[in-house]
Amino acid sequence: MNDVDRNTIESECPALIRAVASERSVEAFETLFRYYGPRVRTYMLRQVRDAQAAEELMQETMITVWNKAALFDPARGNVSAWIFRIARNLRIDAHRKNKRPEFDFNDPAFVKDDAPAADLQLEEIQDAERLHRALAQLPQEQLDLLKRSFFDEVSHSAIAQQLGLPVGTVKSRIRLAFAKLRAALESRT
């Protein structure tokens, strides 16, 4: 293409952009595409040094020109500057996207452990052993009341009826059992 043809197309570009924006003129866009497509591809090739990426970025640039033609403002600059600003911004976005690592849901740092840590498991085992030893030291009647109340989930009034005891007696024996358990567990920590 010689300089005369280039000057003619560049002088027609604002009208071509208006036709794309207002009429969605495929012919006007095709003229813009044939003129700017190779130039944008060459620019992208110099920037990214990858022919396939340059082609994709050129296509994306020209699609953006098609979609955003109504946003072109001739008072702010010429068509060429507008198109190359779009190309530059798309190249920067692509570069940022490529530098950002993909989020891997299977990365061990993000996957919840199936089992608790070994030190927590050991603590839980030791706590359970201390509790069993403390329960073994309780008188049988207090142990029976705790089992019925907490393991069998029987209410205090139901326990009192089953054993023929006043509810206050059941509650005080359970409270006494808790006090003995607390003292036994606190002395061993």
Protein backbone atom coordinates (compact mmCIF):
# COMPACT_ATOMS: atom_id res chain seq x y z
CA MET A 1 0.00 0.00 0.00
CA ASN A 2 1.48 3.35 -0.98
CA ASP A 3 1.37 6.61 0.96
CA VAL A 4 -1.56 7.98 -1.06
CA ASP A 5 -3.73 4.94 -0.23
CA ARG A 6 -2.61 5.09 3.41
CA ASN A 7 -3.49 8.80 3.70
CA THR A 8 -6.87 8.17 2.07
CA ILE A 9 -7.76 5.32 4.46
CA GLU A 10 -6.51 7.23 7.51
CA SER A 11 -8.60 10.24 6.53
CA GLU A 12 -11.64 7.97 6.11
CA CYS A 13 -11.12 6.15 9.45
CA PRO A 14 -13.28 8.48 11.59
CA ALA A 15 -16.16 7.99 9.15
CA LEU A 16 -15.55 4.23 9.11
CA ILE A 17 -15.62 4.08 12.92
CA ARG A 18 -18.86 6.11 12.96
CA ALA A 19 -20.38 3.68 10.44
CA VAL A 20 -19.35 0.71 12.60
CA ALA A 21 -20.74 2.41 15.71
CA SER A 22 -24.04 3.64 14.33
CA GLU A 23 -24.91 1.20 11.56
CA ARG A 24 -22.82 -1.83 12.61
CA SER A 25 -21.44 -1.68 9.06
CA VAL A 26 -19.55 -4.86 8.29
CA GLU A 27 -18.01 -3.27 5.16
CA ALA A 28 -16.60 -0.36 7.17
CA PHE A 29 -15.25 -2.73 9.79
CA GLU A 30 -13.72 -4.94 7.10
CA THR A 31 -11.86 -1.93 5.70
CA LEU A 32 -10.59 -1.04 9.18
CA PHE A 33 -9.64 -4.66 9.81
CA ARG A 34 -7.68 -5.00 6.54
CA TYR A 35 -5.82 -1.78 7.27
CA TYR A 36 -5.17 -2.05 11.02
CA GLY A 37 -5.12 -5.83 11.52
CA PRO A 38 -1.63 -6.40 10.05
CA ARG A 39 -0.26 -3.30 11.81
CA VAL A 40 -1.62 -4.41 15.18
CA ARG A 41 -0.30 -7.95 14.61
CA THR A 42 3.18 -6.58 13.83
CA TYR A 43 3.06 -4.38 16.94
CA MET A 44 1.99 -7.34 19.07
CA LEU A 45 4.65 -9.59 17.56
CA ARG A 46 7.33 -7.06 18.56
CA GLN A 47 5.90 -6.91 22.08
CA VAL A 48 5.19 -10.56 22.89
CA ARG A 49 7.60 -12.35 20.50
CA ASP A 50 5.08 -15.14 19.95
CA ALA A 51 3.26 -15.36 16.60
CA GLN A 52 0.21 -17.17 17.96
CA ALA A 53 -0.18 -14.80 20.91
CA ALA A 54 0.28 -11.82 18.58
CA GLU A 55 -2.46 -13.13 16.29
CA GLU A 56 -4.83 -13.72 19.21
CA LEU A 57 -4.17 -10.26 20.64
CA MET A 58 -4.74 -8.69 17.22
CA GLN A 59 -8.06 -10.52 16.90
CA GLU A 60 -9.06 -9.43 20.39
CA THR A 61 -8.09 -5.84 19.61
CA MET A 62 -10.18 -5.76 16.46
CA ILE A 63 -13.16 -7.36 18.24
CA THR A 64 -12.88 -4.64 20.87
CA VAL A 65 -12.84 -2.01 18.10
CA TRP A 66 -16.05 -3.55 16.72
CA ASN A 67 -17.73 -3.68 20.14
CA LYS A 68 -16.60 -0.26 21.38
CA ALA A 69 -16.65 1.81 18.20
CA ALA A 70 -19.28 4.09 19.75
CA LEU A 71 -16.75 5.08 22.44
CA PHE A 72 -14.31 6.59 19.93
CA ASP A 73 -14.02 10.35 20.42
CA PRO A 74 -12.24 12.19 17.57
CA ALA A 75 -11.68 15.16 19.90
CA ARG A 76 -9.38 13.03 22.04
CA GLY A 77 -7.18 11.70 19.23
CA ASN A 78 -7.10 9.92 15.91
CA VAL A 79 -8.38 6.43 15.12
CA SER A 80 -4.90 4.96 14.90
CA ALA A 81 -3.97 6.13 18.42
CA TRP A 82 -7.28 4.81 19.78
CA ILE A 83 -6.84 1.37 18.22
CA PHE A 84 -3.23 1.05 19.36
CA ARG A 85 -4.18 2.16 22.88
CA ILE A 86 -6.73 -0.69 22.92
CA ALA A 87 -4.02 -3.06 21.66
CA ARG A 88 -1.55 -1.87 24.30
CA ASN A 89 -4.07 -2.30 27.12
CA LEU A 90 -5.01 -5.79 25.95
CA ARG A 91 -1.32 -6.76 25.77
CA ILE A 92 -0.77 -5.49 29.32
CA ASP A 93 -3.83 -7.41 30.56
CA ALA A 94 -2.60 -10.59 28.85
CA HIS A 95 0.86 -10.14 30.37
CA ARG A 96 -0.60 -9.69 33.87
CA LYS A 97 -2.83 -12.72 33.43
CA ASN A 98 0.11 -14.87 32.33
CA LYS A 99 2.24 -13.76 35.28
CA ARG A 100 -0.51 -14.52 37.81
CA PRO A 101 -0.47 -18.17 38.79
CA GLU A 102 -3.64 -20.17 38.34
CA PHE A 103 -5.41 -21.05 41.58
CA ASP A 104 -5.01 -24.78 42.16
CA PHE A 105 -7.72 -26.13 44.45
CA ASN A 106 -5.67 -29.31 44.93
CA ASP A 107 -2.62 -27.44 46.22
CA PRO A 108 -1.78 -29.00 49.60
CA ALA A 109 -1.74 -25.54 51.15
CA PHE A 110 -5.46 -25.17 50.38
CA VAL A 111 -6.66 -28.72 51.03
CA LYS A 112 -7.97 -29.43 54.49
CA ASP A 113 -6.11 -32.17 56.27
CA ASP A 114 -8.09 -35.38 56.67
CA ALA A 115 -6.55 -36.13 60.04
CA PRO A 116 -5.66 -33.67 62.79
CA ALA A 117 -2.02 -32.92 63.40
CA ALA A 118 -0.06 -35.54 65.35
CA ASP A 119 0.42 -33.28 68.38
CA LEU A 120 -3.33 -32.62 68.56
CA GLN A 121 -4.08 -36.32 68.27
CA LEU A 122 -1.65 -37.06 71.09
CA GLU A 123 -3.25 -34.36 73.27
CA GLU A 124 -6.71 -35.78 72.61
CA ILE A 125 -5.54 -39.30 73.51
CA GLN A 126 -3.90 -38.06 76.71
CA ASP A 127 -7.00 -36.04 77.64
CA ALA A 128 -9.21 -39.08 77.08
CA GLU A 129 -6.94 -41.26 79.22
CA ARG A 130 -6.98 -38.67 82.04
CA LEU A 131 -10.76 -38.49 81.86
CA HIS A 132 -11.11 -42.30 82.00
CA ARG A 133 -8.80 -42.49 85.02
CA ALA A 134 -10.73 -39.69 86.76
CA LEU A 135 -14.07 -41.42 85.99
CA ALA A 136 -12.70 -44.69 87.42
CA GLN A 137 -11.99 -42.91 90.74
CA LEU A 138 -15.62 -41.80 91.21
CA PRO A 139 -17.95 -43.76 93.49
CA GLN A 140 -20.20 -46.10 91.50
CA GLU A 141 -23.43 -44.18 92.28
CA GLN A 142 -21.95 -40.90 90.98
CA LEU A 143 -20.56 -42.61 87.87
CA ASP A 144 -23.98 -44.16 87.23
CA LEU A 145 -25.67 -40.75 87.50
CA LEU A 146 -23.17 -39.15 85.07
CA LYS A 147 -23.60 -41.97 82.55
CA ARG A 148 -27.39 -41.74 82.67
CA SER A 149 -27.39 -37.95 82.44
CA PHE A 150 -24.71 -37.33 79.81
CA PHE A 151 -24.21 -40.53 77.85
CA ASP A 152 -27.81 -41.79 77.85
CA GLU A 153 -29.18 -38.20 77.81
CA VAL A 154 -31.79 -38.87 80.48
CA SER A 155 -33.19 -35.79 82.24
CA HIS A 156 -32.54 -35.26 85.94
CA SER A 157 -36.21 -35.69 86.79
CA ALA A 158 -36.39 -39.00 84.86
CA ILE A 159 -33.27 -40.26 86.68
CA ALA A 160 -34.85 -39.28 89.98
CA GLN A 161 -38.00 -41.27 89.10
CA GLN A 162 -35.98 -44.31 87.95
CA LEU A 163 -33.90 -44.39 91.14
CA GLY A 164 -36.60 -43.24 93.54
CA LEU A 165 -34.55 -40.20 94.63
CA PRO A 166 -35.48 -36.54 94.97
CA VAL A 167 -34.45 -34.39 91.95
CA GLY A 168 -32.33 -32.17 94.25
CA THR A 169 -30.34 -35.23 95.39
CA VAL A 170 -29.67 -36.27 91.78
CA LYS A 171 -28.49 -32.75 90.90
CA SER A 172 -26.26 -32.42 93.95
CA ARG A 173 -24.64 -35.85 93.35
CA ILE A 174 -23.95 -34.90 89.71
CA ARG A 175 -22.48 -31.57 90.86
CA LEU A 176 -20.32 -33.43 93.39
CA ALA A 177 -19.14 -35.84 90.66
CA PHE A 178 -18.19 -32.88 88.46
CA ALA A 179 -16.24 -31.27 91.28
CA LYS A 180 -14.27 -34.52 91.80
CA LEU A 181 -13.61 -34.83 88.06
CA ARG A 182 -12.47 -31.22 87.82
CA ALA A 183 -10.10 -31.64 90.77
CA ALA A 184 -8.69 -34.87 89.34
CA LEU A 185 -8.16 -33.38 85.87
CA GLU A 186 -6.68 -30.09 87.09
CA SER A 187 -4.16 -31.81 89.33
CA ARG A 188 -2.72 -33.75 86.39
CA THR A 189 -2.33 -30.92 83.86
